[in-house]
mmCIF file of all heavy atoms, coordinates in Angstrom:
data_MODEL
# 
_entry.id   MODEL 
# 
loop_
_atom_site.group_PDB 
_atom_site.id 
_atom_site.type_symbol 
_atom_site.label_atom_id 
_atom_site.label_alt_id 
_atom_site.label_comp_id 
_atom_site.label_asym_id 
_atom_site.label_entity_id 
_atom_site.label_seq_id 
_atom_site.pdbx_PDB_ins_code 
_atom_site.Cartn_x 
_atom_site.Cartn_y 
_atom_site.Cartn_z 
_atom_site.occupancy 
_atom_site.B_iso_or_equiv 
_atom_site.pdbx_formal_charge 
_atom_site.auth_seq_id 
_atom_site.auth_comp_id 
_atom_site.auth_asym_id 
_atom_site.auth_atom_id 
_atom_site.pdbx_PDB_model_num 
ATOM 1   N N   . ARG A 1 1  ? 7.947  0.412   -7.848 1.00 0.00 ? 1  ARG A N   1 
ATOM 2   C CA  . ARG A 1 1  ? 8.154  1.528   -6.931 1.00 0.00 ? 1  ARG A CA  1 
ATOM 3   C C   . ARG A 1 1  ? 7.640  1.158   -5.528 1.00 0.00 ? 1  ARG A C   1 
ATOM 4   O O   . ARG A 1 1  ? 6.935  0.178   -5.336 1.00 0.00 ? 1  ARG A O   1 
ATOM 5   C CB  . ARG A 1 1  ? 7.444  2.773   -7.450 1.00 0.00 ? 1  ARG A CB  1 
ATOM 6   C CG  . ARG A 1 1  ? 7.988  3.227   -8.808 1.00 0.00 ? 1  ARG A CG  1 
ATOM 7   C CD  . ARG A 1 1  ? 7.309  4.472   -9.331 1.00 0.00 ? 1  ARG A CD  1 
ATOM 8   N NE  . ARG A 1 1  ? 7.600  5.647   -8.519 1.00 0.00 ? 1  ARG A NE  1 
ATOM 9   C CZ  . ARG A 1 1  ? 7.227  6.888   -8.857 1.00 0.00 ? 1  ARG A CZ  1 
ATOM 10  N NH1 . ARG A 1 1  ? 6.582  7.098   -9.988 1.00 0.00 ? 1  ARG A NH1 1 
ATOM 11  N NH2 . ARG A 1 1  ? 7.517  7.912   -8.064 1.00 0.00 ? 1  ARG A NH2 1 
ATOM 12  N N   . ARG A 1 2  ? 8.014  1.972   -4.532 1.00 0.00 ? 2  ARG A N   1 
ATOM 13  C CA  . ARG A 1 2  ? 7.678  1.655   -3.142 1.00 0.00 ? 2  ARG A CA  1 
ATOM 14  C C   . ARG A 1 2  ? 6.261  2.113   -2.801 1.00 0.00 ? 2  ARG A C   1 
ATOM 15  O O   . ARG A 1 2  ? 5.713  2.997   -3.444 1.00 0.00 ? 2  ARG A O   1 
ATOM 16  C CB  . ARG A 1 2  ? 8.677  2.333   -2.197 1.00 0.00 ? 2  ARG A CB  1 
ATOM 17  C CG  . ARG A 1 2  ? 10.131 1.943   -2.422 1.00 0.00 ? 2  ARG A CG  1 
ATOM 18  C CD  . ARG A 1 2  ? 11.051 2.754   -1.520 1.00 0.00 ? 2  ARG A CD  1 
ATOM 19  N NE  . ARG A 1 2  ? 10.880 4.194   -1.732 1.00 0.00 ? 2  ARG A NE  1 
ATOM 20  C CZ  . ARG A 1 2  ? 11.453 5.148   -0.995 1.00 0.00 ? 2  ARG A CZ  1 
ATOM 21  N NH1 . ARG A 1 2  ? 12.240 4.783   0.016  1.00 0.00 ? 2  ARG A NH1 1 
ATOM 22  N NH2 . ARG A 1 2  ? 11.248 6.410   -1.243 1.00 0.00 ? 2  ARG A NH2 1 
ATOM 23  N N   . LEU A 1 3  ? 5.724  1.483   -1.764 1.00 0.00 ? 3  LEU A N   1 
ATOM 24  C CA  . LEU A 1 3  ? 4.414  1.917   -1.282 1.00 0.00 ? 3  LEU A CA  1 
ATOM 25  C C   . LEU A 1 3  ? 4.441  3.369   -0.827 1.00 0.00 ? 3  LEU A C   1 
ATOM 26  O O   . LEU A 1 3  ? 3.433  4.077   -0.894 1.00 0.00 ? 3  LEU A O   1 
ATOM 27  C CB  . LEU A 1 3  ? 3.960  1.030   -0.119 1.00 0.00 ? 3  LEU A CB  1 
ATOM 28  C CG  . LEU A 1 3  ? 3.313  -0.316  -0.476 1.00 0.00 ? 3  LEU A CG  1 
ATOM 29  C CD1 . LEU A 1 3  ? 2.984  -1.085  0.784  1.00 0.00 ? 3  LEU A CD1 1 
ATOM 30  C CD2 . LEU A 1 3  ? 2.049  -0.097  -1.292 1.00 0.00 ? 3  LEU A CD2 1 
ATOM 31  N N   . LEU A 1 4  ? 5.605  3.810   -0.326 1.00 0.00 ? 4  LEU A N   1 
ATOM 32  C CA  . LEU A 1 4  ? 5.732  5.203   0.092  1.00 0.00 ? 4  LEU A CA  1 
ATOM 33  C C   . LEU A 1 4  ? 5.366  6.164   -1.032 1.00 0.00 ? 4  LEU A C   1 
ATOM 34  O O   . LEU A 1 4  ? 4.824  7.247   -0.781 1.00 0.00 ? 4  LEU A O   1 
ATOM 35  C CB  . LEU A 1 4  ? 7.168  5.485   0.559  1.00 0.00 ? 4  LEU A CB  1 
ATOM 36  C CG  . LEU A 1 4  ? 7.568  4.941   1.936  1.00 0.00 ? 4  LEU A CG  1 
ATOM 37  C CD1 . LEU A 1 4  ? 9.052  5.169   2.181  1.00 0.00 ? 4  LEU A CD1 1 
ATOM 38  C CD2 . LEU A 1 4  ? 6.747  5.607   3.034  1.00 0.00 ? 4  LEU A CD2 1 
ATOM 39  N N   . ASP A 1 5  ? 5.646  5.759   -2.270 1.00 0.00 ? 5  ASP A N   1 
ATOM 40  C CA  . ASP A 1 5  ? 5.304  6.624   -3.396 1.00 0.00 ? 5  ASP A CA  1 
ATOM 41  C C   . ASP A 1 5  ? 3.789  6.720   -3.572 1.00 0.00 ? 5  ASP A C   1 
ATOM 42  O O   . ASP A 1 5  ? 3.268  7.766   -3.979 1.00 0.00 ? 5  ASP A O   1 
ATOM 43  C CB  . ASP A 1 5  ? 5.959  6.088   -4.677 1.00 0.00 ? 5  ASP A CB  1 
ATOM 44  C CG  . ASP A 1 5  ? 7.487  6.070   -4.587 1.00 0.00 ? 5  ASP A CG  1 
ATOM 45  O OD1 . ASP A 1 5  ? 8.034  7.030   -4.011 1.00 0.00 ? 5  ASP A OD1 1 
ATOM 46  O OD2 . ASP A 1 5  ? 8.107  5.104   -5.050 1.00 0.00 ? 5  ASP A OD2 1 
ATOM 47  N N   . LEU A 1 6  ? 3.077  5.623   -3.241 1.00 0.00 ? 6  LEU A N   1 
ATOM 48  C CA  . LEU A 1 6  ? 1.619  5.681   -3.290 1.00 0.00 ? 6  LEU A CA  1 
ATOM 49  C C   . LEU A 1 6  ? 1.063  6.592   -2.197 1.00 0.00 ? 6  LEU A C   1 
ATOM 50  O O   . LEU A 1 6  ? 0.095  7.312   -2.403 1.00 0.00 ? 6  LEU A O   1 
ATOM 51  C CB  . LEU A 1 6  ? 1.021  4.282   -3.124 1.00 0.00 ? 6  LEU A CB  1 
ATOM 52  C CG  . LEU A 1 6  ? 0.992  3.370   -4.358 1.00 0.00 ? 6  LEU A CG  1 
ATOM 53  C CD1 . LEU A 1 6  ? 0.248  2.089   -4.023 1.00 0.00 ? 6  LEU A CD1 1 
ATOM 54  C CD2 . LEU A 1 6  ? 0.355  4.062   -5.550 1.00 0.00 ? 6  LEU A CD2 1 
ATOM 55  N N   . PHE A 1 7  ? 1.707  6.537   -1.017 1.00 0.00 ? 7  PHE A N   1 
ATOM 56  C CA  . PHE A 1 7  ? 1.275  7.413   0.074  1.00 0.00 ? 7  PHE A CA  1 
ATOM 57  C C   . PHE A 1 7  ? 1.395  8.872   -0.359 1.00 0.00 ? 7  PHE A C   1 
ATOM 58  O O   . PHE A 1 7  ? 0.547  9.707   -0.021 1.00 0.00 ? 7  PHE A O   1 
ATOM 59  C CB  . PHE A 1 7  ? 2.108  7.179   1.331  1.00 0.00 ? 7  PHE A CB  1 
ATOM 60  C CG  . PHE A 1 7  ? 2.000  5.791   1.901  1.00 0.00 ? 7  PHE A CG  1 
ATOM 61  C CD1 . PHE A 1 7  ? 3.031  5.254   2.653  1.00 0.00 ? 7  PHE A CD1 1 
ATOM 62  C CD2 . PHE A 1 7  ? 0.870  5.030   1.683  1.00 0.00 ? 7  PHE A CD2 1 
ATOM 63  C CE1 . PHE A 1 7  ? 2.931  3.980   3.177  1.00 0.00 ? 7  PHE A CE1 1 
ATOM 64  C CE2 . PHE A 1 7  ? 0.754  3.749   2.205  1.00 0.00 ? 7  PHE A CE2 1 
ATOM 65  C CZ  . PHE A 1 7  ? 1.797  3.218   2.944  1.00 0.00 ? 7  PHE A CZ  1 
ATOM 66  N N   . ALA A 1 8  ? 2.441  9.181   -1.098 1.00 0.00 ? 8  ALA A N   1 
ATOM 67  C CA  . ALA A 1 8  ? 2.638  10.559  -1.565 1.00 0.00 ? 8  ALA A CA  1 
ATOM 68  C C   . ALA A 1 8  ? 1.530  10.962  -2.527 1.00 0.00 ? 8  ALA A C   1 
ATOM 69  O O   . ALA A 1 8  ? 1.026  12.083  -2.488 1.00 0.00 ? 8  ALA A O   1 
ATOM 70  C CB  . ALA A 1 8  ? 4.004  10.695  -2.237 1.00 0.00 ? 8  ALA A CB  1 
ATOM 71  N N   . VAL A 1 9  ? 1.118  10.022  -3.373 1.00 0.00 ? 9  VAL A N   1 
ATOM 72  C CA  . VAL A 1 9  ? 0.022  10.310  -4.298 1.00 0.00 ? 9  VAL A CA  1 
ATOM 73  C C   . VAL A 1 9  ? -1.263 10.576  -3.520 1.00 0.00 ? 9  VAL A C   1 
ATOM 74  O O   . VAL A 1 9  ? -2.038 11.477  -3.835 1.00 0.00 ? 9  VAL A O   1 
ATOM 75  C CB  . VAL A 1 9  ? -0.181 9.127   -5.272 1.00 0.00 ? 9  VAL A CB  1 
ATOM 76  C CG1 . VAL A 1 9  ? -1.436 9.354   -6.122 1.00 0.00 ? 9  VAL A CG1 1 
ATOM 77  C CG2 . VAL A 1 9  ? 1.039  8.964   -6.164 1.00 0.00 ? 9  VAL A CG2 1 
ATOM 78  N N   . GLY A 1 10 ? -1.485 9.788   -2.479 1.00 0.00 ? 10 GLY A N   1 
ATOM 79  C CA  . GLY A 1 10 ? -2.696 9.941   -1.678 1.00 0.00 ? 10 GLY A CA  1 
ATOM 80  C C   . GLY A 1 10 ? -2.690 11.149  -0.784 1.00 0.00 ? 10 GLY A C   1 
ATOM 81  O O   . GLY A 1 10 ? -3.724 11.482  -0.180 1.00 0.00 ? 10 GLY A O   1 
ATOM 82  N N   . GLN A 1 11 ? -1.543 11.830  -0.661 1.00 0.00 ? 11 GLN A N   1 
ATOM 83  C CA  . GLN A 1 11 ? -1.422 13.055  0.146  1.00 0.00 ? 11 GLN A CA  1 
ATOM 84  C C   . GLN A 1 11 ? -1.909 12.846  1.584  1.00 0.00 ? 11 GLN A C   1 
ATOM 85  O O   . GLN A 1 11 ? -2.563 13.691  2.171  1.00 0.00 ? 11 GLN A O   1 
ATOM 86  C CB  . GLN A 1 11 ? -2.196 14.201  -0.510 1.00 0.00 ? 11 GLN A CB  1 
ATOM 87  C CG  . GLN A 1 11 ? -1.685 14.556  -1.885 1.00 0.00 ? 11 GLN A CG  1 
ATOM 88  C CD  . GLN A 1 11 ? -2.502 15.651  -2.543 1.00 0.00 ? 11 GLN A CD  1 
ATOM 89  O OE1 . GLN A 1 11 ? -3.332 16.290  -1.912 1.00 0.00 ? 11 GLN A OE1 1 
ATOM 90  N NE2 . GLN A 1 11 ? -2.268 15.885  -3.827 1.00 0.00 ? 11 GLN A NE2 1 
ATOM 91  N N   . GLY A 1 12 ? -1.572 11.675  2.133  1.00 0.00 ? 12 GLY A N   1 
ATOM 92  C CA  . GLY A 1 12 ? -1.910 11.396  3.529  1.00 0.00 ? 12 GLY A CA  1 
ATOM 93  C C   . GLY A 1 12 ? -3.324 10.931  3.758  1.00 0.00 ? 12 GLY A C   1 
ATOM 94  O O   . GLY A 1 12 ? -3.727 10.694  4.899  1.00 0.00 ? 12 GLY A O   1 
ATOM 95  N N   . ASP A 1 13 ? -4.121 10.754  2.687  1.00 0.00 ? 13 ASP A N   1 
ATOM 96  C CA  . ASP A 1 13 ? -5.518 10.344  2.837  1.00 0.00 ? 13 ASP A CA  1 
ATOM 97  C C   . ASP A 1 13 ? -5.733 8.879   2.479  1.00 0.00 ? 13 ASP A C   1 
ATOM 98  O O   . ASP A 1 13 ? -6.869 8.432   2.326  1.00 0.00 ? 13 ASP A O   1 
ATOM 99  C CB  . ASP A 1 13 ? -6.415 11.208  1.942  1.00 0.00 ? 13 ASP A CB  1 
ATOM 100 C CG  . ASP A 1 13 ? -6.418 12.664  2.385  1.00 0.00 ? 13 ASP A CG  1 
ATOM 101 O OD1 . ASP A 1 13 ? -6.395 12.895  3.603  1.00 0.00 ? 13 ASP A OD1 1 
ATOM 102 O OD2 . ASP A 1 13 ? -6.420 13.552  1.514  1.00 0.00 ? 13 ASP A OD2 1 
ATOM 103 N N   . ILE A 1 14 ? -4.645 8.107   2.336  1.00 0.00 ? 14 ILE A N   1 
ATOM 104 C CA  . ILE A 1 14 ? -4.752 6.696   1.975  1.00 0.00 ? 14 ILE A CA  1 
ATOM 105 C C   . ILE A 1 14 ? -3.971 5.863   2.982  1.00 0.00 ? 14 ILE A C   1 
ATOM 106 O O   . ILE A 1 14 ? -2.851 6.207   3.366  1.00 0.00 ? 14 ILE A O   1 
ATOM 107 C CB  . ILE A 1 14 ? -4.198 6.439   0.554  1.00 0.00 ? 14 ILE A CB  1 
ATOM 108 C CG1 . ILE A 1 14 ? -5.159 7.009   -0.493 1.00 0.00 ? 14 ILE A CG1 1 
ATOM 109 C CG2 . ILE A 1 14 ? -3.977 4.955   0.304  1.00 0.00 ? 14 ILE A CG2 1 
ATOM 110 C CD1 . ILE A 1 14 ? -4.678 6.842   -1.905 1.00 0.00 ? 14 ILE A CD1 1 
ATOM 111 N N   . SER A 1 15 ? -4.585 4.768   3.424  1.00 0.00 ? 15 SER A N   1 
ATOM 112 C CA  . SER A 1 15 ? -3.886 3.780   4.248  1.00 0.00 ? 15 SER A CA  1 
ATOM 113 C C   . SER A 1 15 ? -3.930 2.441   3.523  1.00 0.00 ? 15 SER A C   1 
ATOM 114 O O   . SER A 1 15 ? -5.006 1.981   3.127  1.00 0.00 ? 15 SER A O   1 
ATOM 115 C CB  . SER A 1 15 ? -4.552 3.634   5.623  1.00 0.00 ? 15 SER A CB  1 
ATOM 116 O OG  . SER A 1 15 ? -4.400 4.801   6.383  1.00 0.00 ? 15 SER A OG  1 
ATOM 117 N N   . VAL A 1 16 ? -2.774 1.825   3.308  1.00 0.00 ? 16 VAL A N   1 
ATOM 118 C CA  . VAL A 1 16 ? -2.706 0.485   2.727  1.00 0.00 ? 16 VAL A CA  1 
ATOM 119 C C   . VAL A 1 16 ? -2.717 -0.495  3.894  1.00 0.00 ? 16 VAL A C   1 
ATOM 120 O O   . VAL A 1 16 ? -1.708 -0.704  4.561  1.00 0.00 ? 16 VAL A O   1 
ATOM 121 C CB  . VAL A 1 16 ? -1.438 0.300   1.864  1.00 0.00 ? 16 VAL A CB  1 
ATOM 122 C CG1 . VAL A 1 16 ? -1.407 -1.112  1.272  1.00 0.00 ? 16 VAL A CG1 1 
ATOM 123 C CG2 . VAL A 1 16 ? -1.392 1.332   0.753  1.00 0.00 ? 16 VAL A CG2 1 
ATOM 124 N N   . VAL A 1 17 ? -3.872 -1.079  4.160  1.00 0.00 ? 17 VAL A N   1 
ATOM 125 C CA  . VAL A 1 17 ? -4.017 -1.933  5.341  1.00 0.00 ? 17 VAL A CA  1 
ATOM 126 C C   . VAL A 1 17 ? -3.573 -3.363  5.058  1.00 0.00 ? 17 VAL A C   1 
ATOM 127 O O   . VAL A 1 17 ? -3.286 -4.125  5.989  1.00 0.00 ? 17 VAL A O   1 
ATOM 128 C CB  . VAL A 1 17 ? -5.462 -1.910  5.870  1.00 0.00 ? 17 VAL A CB  1 
ATOM 129 C CG1 . VAL A 1 17 ? -5.827 -0.519  6.331  1.00 0.00 ? 17 VAL A CG1 1 
ATOM 130 C CG2 . VAL A 1 17 ? -6.453 -2.401  4.824  1.00 0.00 ? 17 VAL A CG2 1 
ATOM 131 N N   . ALA A 1 18 ? -3.509 -3.742  3.791  1.00 0.00 ? 18 ALA A N   1 
ATOM 132 C CA  . ALA A 1 18 ? -3.028 -5.089  3.447  1.00 0.00 ? 18 ALA A CA  1 
ATOM 133 C C   . ALA A 1 18 ? -2.633 -5.108  1.981  1.00 0.00 ? 18 ALA A C   1 
ATOM 134 O O   . ALA A 1 18 ? -3.093 -4.286  1.175  1.00 0.00 ? 18 ALA A O   1 
ATOM 135 C CB  . ALA A 1 18 ? -4.083 -6.145  3.727  1.00 0.00 ? 18 ALA A CB  1 
ATOM 136 N N   . LEU A 1 19 ? -1.777 -6.043  1.637  1.00 0.00 ? 19 LEU A N   1 
ATOM 137 C CA  . LEU A 1 19 ? -1.363 -6.256  0.245  1.00 0.00 ? 19 LEU A CA  1 
ATOM 138 C C   . LEU A 1 19 ? -1.429 -7.756  -0.019 1.00 0.00 ? 19 LEU A C   1 
ATOM 139 O O   . LEU A 1 19 ? -0.846 -8.565  0.730  1.00 0.00 ? 19 LEU A O   1 
ATOM 140 C CB  . LEU A 1 19 ? 0.043  -5.711  0.004  1.00 0.00 ? 19 LEU A CB  1 
ATOM 141 C CG  . LEU A 1 19 ? 0.586  -5.771  -1.431 1.00 0.00 ? 19 LEU A CG  1 
ATOM 142 C CD1 . LEU A 1 19 ? 1.531  -4.600  -1.691 1.00 0.00 ? 19 LEU A CD1 1 
ATOM 143 C CD2 . LEU A 1 19 ? 1.328  -7.075  -1.696 1.00 0.00 ? 19 LEU A CD2 1 
ATOM 144 N N   . VAL A 1 20 ? -2.172 -8.121  -1.060 1.00 0.00 ? 20 VAL A N   1 
ATOM 145 C CA  . VAL A 1 20 ? -2.305 -9.539  -1.440 1.00 0.00 ? 20 VAL A CA  1 
ATOM 146 C C   . VAL A 1 20 ? -1.437 -9.780  -2.667 1.00 0.00 ? 20 VAL A C   1 
ATOM 147 O O   . VAL A 1 20 ? -1.636 -9.148  -3.714 1.00 0.00 ? 20 VAL A O   1 
ATOM 148 C CB  . VAL A 1 20 ? -3.772 -9.906  -1.727 1.00 0.00 ? 20 VAL A CB  1 
ATOM 149 C CG1 . VAL A 1 20 ? -3.871 -11.384 -2.118 1.00 0.00 ? 20 VAL A CG1 1 
ATOM 150 C CG2 . VAL A 1 20 ? -4.649 -9.609  -0.520 1.00 0.00 ? 20 VAL A CG2 1 
ATOM 151 N N   . ARG A 1 21 ? -0.483 -10.686 -2.527 1.00 0.00 ? 21 ARG A N   1 
ATOM 152 C CA  . ARG A 1 21 ? 0.446  -11.014 -3.616 1.00 0.00 ? 21 ARG A CA  1 
ATOM 153 C C   . ARG A 1 21 ? 0.386  -12.528 -3.842 1.00 0.00 ? 21 ARG A C   1 
ATOM 154 O O   . ARG A 1 21 ? 0.850  -13.301 -3.012 1.00 0.00 ? 21 ARG A O   1 
ATOM 155 C CB  . ARG A 1 21 ? 1.864  -10.569 -3.268 1.00 0.00 ? 21 ARG A CB  1 
ATOM 156 C CG  . ARG A 1 21 ? 2.903  -10.870 -4.339 1.00 0.00 ? 21 ARG A CG  1 
ATOM 157 C CD  . ARG A 1 21 ? 4.221  -10.179 -4.016 1.00 0.00 ? 21 ARG A CD  1 
ATOM 158 N NE  . ARG A 1 21 ? 4.108  -8.722  -4.158 1.00 0.00 ? 21 ARG A NE  1 
ATOM 159 C CZ  . ARG A 1 21 ? 5.028  -7.857  -3.749 1.00 0.00 ? 21 ARG A CZ  1 
ATOM 160 N NH1 . ARG A 1 21 ? 6.122  -8.299  -3.126 1.00 0.00 ? 21 ARG A NH1 1 
ATOM 161 N NH2 . ARG A 1 21 ? 4.843  -6.552  -3.920 1.00 0.00 ? 21 ARG A NH2 1 
ATOM 162 N N   . ARG A 1 22 ? -0.274 -12.885 -4.930 1.00 0.00 ? 22 ARG A N   1 
ATOM 163 C CA  . ARG A 1 22 ? -0.538 -14.300 -5.204 1.00 0.00 ? 22 ARG A CA  1 
ATOM 164 C C   . ARG A 1 22 ? -1.290 -14.931 -4.029 1.00 0.00 ? 22 ARG A C   1 
ATOM 165 O O   . ARG A 1 22 ? -2.394 -14.523 -3.728 1.00 0.00 ? 22 ARG A O   1 
ATOM 166 C CB  . ARG A 1 22 ? 0.770  -15.032 -5.555 1.00 0.00 ? 22 ARG A CB  1 
ATOM 167 C CG  . ARG A 1 22 ? 1.352  -14.554 -6.929 1.00 0.00 ? 22 ARG A CG  1 
ATOM 168 C CD  . ARG A 1 22 ? 2.653  -15.239 -7.253 1.00 0.00 ? 22 ARG A CD  1 
ATOM 169 N NE  . ARG A 1 22 ? 3.758  -14.754 -6.428 1.00 0.00 ? 22 ARG A NE  1 
ATOM 170 C CZ  . ARG A 1 22 ? 4.444  -13.653 -6.697 1.00 0.00 ? 22 ARG A CZ  1 
ATOM 171 N NH1 . ARG A 1 22 ? 4.153  -12.921 -7.748 1.00 0.00 ? 22 ARG A NH1 1 
ATOM 172 N NH2 . ARG A 1 22 ? 5.432  -13.279 -5.922 1.00 0.00 ? 22 ARG A NH2 1 
ATOM 173 N N   . LYS A 1 23 ? -0.682 -15.877 -3.312 1.00 0.00 ? 23 LYS A N   1 
ATOM 174 C CA  . LYS A 1 23 ? -1.379 -16.530 -2.202 1.00 0.00 ? 23 LYS A CA  1 
ATOM 175 C C   . LYS A 1 23 ? -1.048 -15.906 -0.845 1.00 0.00 ? 23 LYS A C   1 
ATOM 176 O O   . LYS A 1 23 ? -1.543 -16.364 0.178  1.00 0.00 ? 23 LYS A O   1 
ATOM 177 C CB  . LYS A 1 23 ? -1.038 -18.019 -2.178 1.00 0.00 ? 23 LYS A CB  1 
ATOM 178 C CG  . LYS A 1 23 ? -1.532 -18.792 -3.400 1.00 0.00 ? 23 LYS A CG  1 
ATOM 179 C CD  . LYS A 1 23 ? -1.206 -20.277 -3.256 1.00 0.00 ? 23 LYS A CD  1 
ATOM 180 C CE  . LYS A 1 23 ? -1.723 -21.040 -4.464 1.00 0.00 ? 23 LYS A CE  1 
ATOM 181 N NZ  . LYS A 1 23 ? -1.426 -22.503 -4.361 1.00 0.00 ? 23 LYS A NZ  1 
ATOM 182 N N   . ASP A 1 24 ? -0.213 -14.898 -0.850 1.00 0.00 ? 24 ASP A N   1 
ATOM 183 C CA  . ASP A 1 24 ? 0.222  -14.286 0.410  1.00 0.00 ? 24 ASP A CA  1 
ATOM 184 C C   . ASP A 1 24 ? -0.577 -13.012 0.694  1.00 0.00 ? 24 ASP A C   1 
ATOM 185 O O   . ASP A 1 24 ? -0.809 -12.201 -0.205 1.00 0.00 ? 24 ASP A O   1 
ATOM 186 C CB  . ASP A 1 24 ? 1.712  -13.943 0.354  1.00 0.00 ? 24 ASP A CB  1 
ATOM 187 C CG  . ASP A 1 24 ? 2.583  -15.178 0.209  1.00 0.00 ? 24 ASP A CG  1 
ATOM 188 O OD1 . ASP A 1 24 ? 2.175  -16.220 0.750  1.00 0.00 ? 24 ASP A OD1 1 
ATOM 189 O OD2 . ASP A 1 24 ? 3.638  -15.104 -0.452 1.00 0.00 ? 24 ASP A OD2 1 
ATOM 190 N N   . ARG A 1 25 ? -0.979 -12.867 1.950  1.00 0.00 ? 25 ARG A N   1 
ATOM 191 C CA  . ARG A 1 25 ? -1.640 -11.636 2.405  1.00 0.00 ? 25 ARG A CA  1 
ATOM 192 C C   . ARG A 1 25 ? -0.711 -10.963 3.411  1.00 0.00 ? 25 ARG A C   1 
ATOM 193 O O   . ARG A 1 25 ? -0.434 -11.523 4.478  1.00 0.00 ? 25 ARG A O   1 
ATOM 194 C CB  . ARG A 1 25 ? -2.986 -11.932 3.052  1.00 0.00 ? 25 ARG A CB  1 
ATOM 195 C CG  . ARG A 1 25 ? -3.724 -10.683 3.558  1.00 0.00 ? 25 ARG A CG  1 
ATOM 196 C CD  . ARG A 1 25 ? -5.010 -11.085 4.274  1.00 0.00 ? 25 ARG A CD  1 
ATOM 197 N NE  . ARG A 1 25 ? -5.973 -11.612 3.340  1.00 0.00 ? 25 ARG A NE  1 
ATOM 198 C CZ  . ARG A 1 25 ? -6.933 -10.893 2.762  1.00 0.00 ? 25 ARG A CZ  1 
ATOM 199 N NH1 . ARG A 1 25 ? -7.045 -9.604  3.034  1.00 0.00 ? 25 ARG A NH1 1 
ATOM 200 N NH2 . ARG A 1 25 ? -7.782 -11.439 1.930  1.00 0.00 ? 25 ARG A NH2 1 
ATOM 201 N N   . ILE A 1 26 ? -0.223 -9.767  3.085  1.00 0.00 ? 26 ILE A N   1 
ATOM 202 C CA  . ILE A 1 26 ? 0.694  -9.021  3.942  1.00 0.00 ? 26 ILE A CA  1 
ATOM 203 C C   . ILE A 1 26 ? -0.083 -7.887  4.600  1.00 0.00 ? 26 ILE A C   1 
ATOM 204 O O   . ILE A 1 26 ? -0.508 -6.947  3.920  1.00 0.00 ? 26 ILE A O   1 
ATOM 205 C CB  . ILE A 1 26 ? 1.883  -8.456  3.127  1.00 0.00 ? 26 ILE A CB  1 
ATOM 206 C CG1 . ILE A 1 26 ? 2.573  -9.565  2.347  1.00 0.00 ? 26 ILE A CG1 1 
ATOM 207 C CG2 . ILE A 1 26 ? 2.868  -7.737  4.044  1.00 0.00 ? 26 ILE A CG2 1 
ATOM 208 C CD1 . ILE A 1 26 ? 3.593  -9.066  1.336  1.00 0.00 ? 26 ILE A CD1 1 
ATOM 209 N N   . LEU A 1 27 ? -0.289 -8.007  5.904  1.00 0.00 ? 27 LEU A N   1 
ATOM 210 C CA  . LEU A 1 27 ? -1.039 -6.982  6.625  1.00 0.00 ? 27 LEU A CA  1 
ATOM 211 C C   . LEU A 1 27 ? -0.116 -5.847  7.060  1.00 0.00 ? 27 LEU A C   1 
ATOM 212 O O   . LEU A 1 27 ? 1.045  -6.086  7.417  1.00 0.00 ? 27 LEU A O   1 
ATOM 213 C CB  . LEU A 1 27 ? -1.720 -7.588  7.850  1.00 0.00 ? 27 LEU A CB  1 
ATOM 214 C CG  . LEU A 1 27 ? -2.763 -8.686  7.583  1.00 0.00 ? 27 LEU A CG  1 
ATOM 215 C CD1 . LEU A 1 27 ? -3.342 -9.187  8.885  1.00 0.00 ? 27 LEU A CD1 1 
ATOM 216 C CD2 . LEU A 1 27 ? -3.867 -8.179  6.668  1.00 0.00 ? 27 LEU A CD2 1 
# 
């Protein structure tokens, strides 16, 4: 599922500042 779905769970109180996938860091 998309990160947007996580934002909905957090009800606007969560910020995903980075995502680490194996050796990649996506800011």
